[in-house]
Amino acid sequence: MWAYWLLFLIPAGVSISPIKADKHLRYFAWIMAGLLCVFIIGLRFEIGTDWFNYVAYFEKTQKLGLSEAVFLGNASGPAYFFLSWIVAKIGLGFASLNLICSILFTVGLIKYYIQEQENQ
């Protein structure tokens, strides 16, 4: 449970801090918070009720061609199944897929937040 508190408290502390640091120091702080996020999200194991569903999707994707894999995710996210297919064809495991997805999510989240801060 402590990991989830870190995911909340570190970015919250950085964002509401009364100390206005140098722009480069703020970016460094967000990079550190982002790395924490990437590792906690990307290296999770058997967390959540949908864990085994995603493992089953990944195993099924390994046996399919590209178009079949993308259409497998027709309603629930063809981009995820496309990425899953690529990771499977490269020979990486399910943990690698989670790590890649966590990187994509975290980079988008931090870029959004930094852009919003600069617009204020």
C-alpha atoms as a PDB file:
ATOM      1  CA  MET A   1       0.000   0.000   0.000  1.00  0.00           C
ATOM      2  CA  TRP A   2       2.914   2.342   0.648  1.00  0.00           C
ATOM      3  CA  ALA A   3       3.764   2.334  -3.046  1.00  0.00           C
ATOM      4  CA  TYR A   4       0.395   3.853  -3.935  1.00  0.00           C
ATOM      5  CA  TRP A   5       0.846   6.550  -1.314  1.00  0.00           C
ATOM      6  CA  LEU A   6       4.227   7.383  -2.872  1.00  0.00           C
ATOM      7  CA  LEU A   7       2.595   7.616  -6.291  1.00  0.00           C
ATOM      8  CA  PHE A   8       0.198  10.155  -4.858  1.00  0.00           C
ATOM      9  CA  LEU A   9       2.280  12.092  -2.345  1.00  0.00           C
ATOM     10  CA  ILE A  10       5.458  12.720  -4.354  1.00  0.00           C
ATOM     11  CA  PRO A  11       3.782  14.407  -7.360  1.00  0.00           C
ATOM     12  CA  ALA A  12       1.321  16.181  -5.064  1.00  0.00           C
ATOM     13  CA  GLY A  13       4.179  17.501  -2.957  1.00  0.00           C
ATOM     14  CA  VAL A  14       6.080  18.683  -6.014  1.00  0.00           C
ATOM     15  CA  SER A  15       3.031  20.411  -7.477  1.00  0.00           C
ATOM     16  CA  ILE A  16       1.954  22.282  -4.323  1.00  0.00           C
ATOM     17  CA  SER A  17       5.404  23.087  -3.016  1.00  0.00           C
ATOM     18  CA  PRO A  18       5.726  26.788  -2.156  1.00  0.00           C
ATOM     19  CA  ILE A  19       9.346  26.679  -3.249  1.00  0.00           C
ATOM     20  CA  LYS A  20       9.596  27.704  -6.870  1.00  0.00           C
ATOM     21  CA  ALA A  21      12.655  25.914  -8.160  1.00  0.00           C
ATOM     22  CA  ASP A  22      14.618  26.411 -11.329  1.00  0.00           C
ATOM     23  CA  LYS A  23      12.912  25.060 -14.451  1.00  0.00           C
ATOM     24  CA  HIS A  24      15.576  22.360 -14.847  1.00  0.00           C
ATOM     25  CA  LEU A  25      15.188  21.276 -11.227  1.00  0.00           C
ATOM     26  CA  ARG A  26      11.415  20.988 -11.674  1.00  0.00           C
ATOM     27  CA  TYR A  27      11.903  18.839 -14.770  1.00  0.00           C
ATOM     28  CA  PHE A  28      14.353  16.662 -12.860  1.00  0.00           C
ATOM     29  CA  ALA A  29      11.813  16.246 -10.049  1.00  0.00           C
ATOM     30  CA  TRP A  30       9.144  15.219 -12.563  1.00  0.00           C
ATOM     31  CA  ILE A  31      11.534  12.774 -14.203  1.00  0.00           C
ATOM     32  CA  MET A  32      12.223  11.185 -10.812  1.00  0.00           C
ATOM     33  CA  ALA A  33       8.496  11.013 -10.044  1.00  0.00           C
ATOM     34  CA  GLY A  34       7.906   9.572 -13.518  1.00  0.00           C
ATOM     35  CA  LEU A  35      10.542   6.878 -13.040  1.00  0.00           C
ATOM     36  CA  LEU A  36       8.926   5.911  -9.745  1.00  0.00           C
ATOM     37  CA  CYS A  37       5.577   5.712 -11.533  1.00  0.00           C
ATOM     38  CA  VAL A  38       7.005   3.646 -14.395  1.00  0.00           C
ATOM     39  CA  PHE A  39       8.600   1.111 -12.082  1.00  0.00           C
ATOM     40  CA  ILE A  40       5.641   0.750  -9.734  1.00  0.00           C
ATOM     41  CA  ILE A  41       3.136   0.404 -12.585  1.00  0.00           C
ATOM     42  CA  GLY A  42       5.346  -1.507 -14.999  1.00  0.00           C
ATOM     43  CA  LEU A  43       6.821  -4.043 -12.600  1.00  0.00           C
ATOM     44  CA  ARG A  44       3.609  -5.008 -10.854  1.00  0.00           C
ATOM     45  CA  PHE A  45       2.787  -8.706 -10.698  1.00  0.00           C
ATOM     46  CA  GLU A  46      -0.662 -10.285 -10.391  1.00  0.00           C
ATOM     47  CA  ILE A  47      -2.229  -7.008  -9.287  1.00  0.00           C
ATOM     48  CA  GLY A  48      -5.861  -6.310 -10.085  1.00  0.00           C
ATOM     49  CA  THR A  49      -8.792  -8.446 -11.055  1.00  0.00           C
ATOM     50  CA  ASP A  50      -8.004  -8.193 -14.763  1.00  0.00           C
ATOM     51  CA  TRP A  51      -4.410  -9.450 -14.501  1.00  0.00           C
ATOM     52  CA  PHE A  52      -5.136 -12.953 -15.775  1.00  0.00           C
ATOM     53  CA  ASN A  53      -7.305 -11.603 -18.599  1.00  0.00           C
ATOM     54  CA  TYR A  54      -4.386  -9.568 -19.917  1.00  0.00           C
ATOM     55  CA  VAL A  55      -2.025 -12.531 -19.598  1.00  0.00           C
ATOM     56  CA  ALA A  56      -4.521 -14.609 -21.591  1.00  0.00           C
ATOM     57  CA  TYR A  57      -4.759 -11.857 -24.239  1.00  0.00           C
ATOM     58  CA  PHE A  58      -0.973 -11.746 -24.500  1.00  0.00           C
ATOM     59  CA  GLU A  59      -0.714 -15.521 -24.863  1.00  0.00           C
ATOM     60  CA  LYS A  60      -3.453 -15.516 -27.498  1.00  0.00           C
ATOM     61  CA  THR A  61      -1.775 -12.650 -29.353  1.00  0.00           C
ATOM     62  CA  GLN A  62       1.458 -14.659 -29.623  1.00  0.00           C
ATOM     63  CA  LYS A  63      -0.307 -17.198 -31.839  1.00  0.00           C
ATOM     64  CA  LEU A  64      -2.082 -14.723 -34.133  1.00  0.00           C
ATOM     65  CA  GLY A  65      -1.111 -12.732 -37.180  1.00  0.00           C
ATOM     66  CA  LEU A  66      -1.064  -8.941 -37.089  1.00  0.00           C
ATOM     67  CA  SER A  67      -4.553  -8.316 -38.481  1.00  0.00           C
ATOM     68  CA  GLU A  68      -6.079 -10.997 -36.256  1.00  0.00           C
ATOM     69  CA  ALA A  69      -4.386  -9.522 -33.189  1.00  0.00           C
ATOM     70  CA  VAL A  70      -5.568  -6.003 -33.943  1.00  0.00           C
ATOM     71  CA  PHE A  71      -9.131  -7.183 -34.609  1.00  0.00           C
ATOM     72  CA  LEU A  72      -9.013  -9.178 -31.358  1.00  0.00           C
ATOM     73  CA  GLY A  73      -8.859  -5.811 -29.632  1.00  0.00           C
ATOM     74  CA  ASN A  74     -11.526  -4.261 -31.837  1.00  0.00           C
ATOM     75  CA  ALA A  75     -13.723  -3.016 -29.003  1.00  0.00           C
ATOM     76  CA  SER A  76     -11.235  -2.866 -26.160  1.00  0.00           C
ATOM     77  CA  GLY A  77      -8.210  -1.244 -27.712  1.00  0.00           C
ATOM     78  CA  PRO A  78      -6.569  -2.230 -30.981  1.00  0.00           C
ATOM     79  CA  ALA A  79      -3.447  -0.202 -30.147  1.00  0.00           C
ATOM     80  CA  TYR A  80      -2.845  -2.293 -27.018  1.00  0.00           C
ATOM     81  CA  PHE A  81      -3.210  -5.512 -28.999  1.00  0.00           C
ATOM     82  CA  PHE A  82      -0.941  -4.146 -31.730  1.00  0.00           C
ATOM     83  CA  LEU A  83       1.711  -3.356 -29.136  1.00  0.00           C
ATOM     84  CA  SER A  84       1.141  -6.750 -27.543  1.00  0.00           C
ATOM     85  CA  TRP A  85       1.659  -8.433 -30.909  1.00  0.00           C
ATOM     86  CA  ILE A  86       4.909  -6.531 -31.510  1.00  0.00           C
ATOM     87  CA  VAL A  87       6.249  -7.415 -28.056  1.00  0.00           C
ATOM     88  CA  ALA A  88       5.322 -11.075 -28.563  1.00  0.00           C
ATOM     89  CA  LYS A  89       6.968 -11.230 -32.011  1.00  0.00           C
ATOM     90  CA  ILE A  90      10.163  -9.638 -30.686  1.00  0.00           C
ATOM     91  CA  GLY A  91      10.263 -12.388 -28.085  1.00  0.00           C
ATOM     92  CA  LEU A  92       9.772 -10.276 -24.997  1.00  0.00           C
ATOM     93  CA  GLY A  93       7.454 -11.360 -22.216  1.00  0.00           C
ATOM     94  CA  PHE A  94       4.337  -9.999 -20.638  1.00  0.00           C
ATOM     95  CA  ALA A  95       6.367  -8.043 -18.068  1.00  0.00           C
ATOM     96  CA  SER A  96       7.984  -6.114 -20.925  1.00  0.00           C
ATOM     97  CA  LEU A  97       4.559  -5.237 -22.299  1.00  0.00           C
ATOM     98  CA  ASN A  98       3.505  -3.870 -18.895  1.00  0.00           C
ATOM     99  CA  LEU A  99       6.692  -1.845 -18.642  1.00  0.00           C
ATOM    100  CA  ILE A 100       6.250  -0.355 -22.131  1.00  0.00           C
ATOM    101  CA  CYS A 101       2.623   0.550 -21.390  1.00  0.00           C
ATOM    102  CA  SER A 102       3.636   2.175 -18.105  1.00  0.00           C
ATOM    103  CA  ILE A 103       6.288   4.245 -19.904  1.00  0.00           C
ATOM    104  CA  LEU A 104       3.753   5.440 -22.496  1.00  0.00           C
ATOM    105  CA  PHE A 105       1.204   6.319 -19.806  1.00  0.00           C
ATOM    106  CA  THR A 106       3.670   8.110 -17.545  1.00  0.00           C
ATOM    107  CA  VAL A 107       5.317  10.133 -20.310  1.00  0.00           C
ATOM    108  CA  GLY A 108       1.893  11.301 -21.490  1.00  0.00           C
ATOM    109  CA  LEU A 109       0.768  12.174 -17.972  1.00  0.00           C
ATOM    110  CA  ILE A 110       3.893  14.170 -17.135  1.00  0.00           C
ATOM    111  CA  LYS A 111       3.976  15.964 -20.494  1.00  0.00           C
ATOM    112  CA  TYR A 112       0.353  16.957 -19.978  1.00  0.00           C
ATOM    113  CA  TYR A 113       1.000  18.239 -16.477  1.00  0.00           C
ATOM    114  CA  ILE A 114       4.101  20.208 -17.474  1.00  0.00           C
ATOM    115  CA  GLN A 115       2.228  21.754 -20.409  1.00  0.00           C
ATOM    116  CA  GLU A 116      -0.631  22.767 -18.114  1.00  0.00           C
ATOM    117  CA  GLN A 117       1.815  24.328 -15.643  1.00  0.00           C
ATOM    118  CA  GLU A 118       3.478  26.331 -18.402  1.00  0.00           C
ATOM    119  CA  ASN A 119       0.117  27.595 -19.686  1.00  0.00           C
ATOM    120  CA  GLN A 120      -0.834  29.077 -16.318  1.00  0.00           C
END
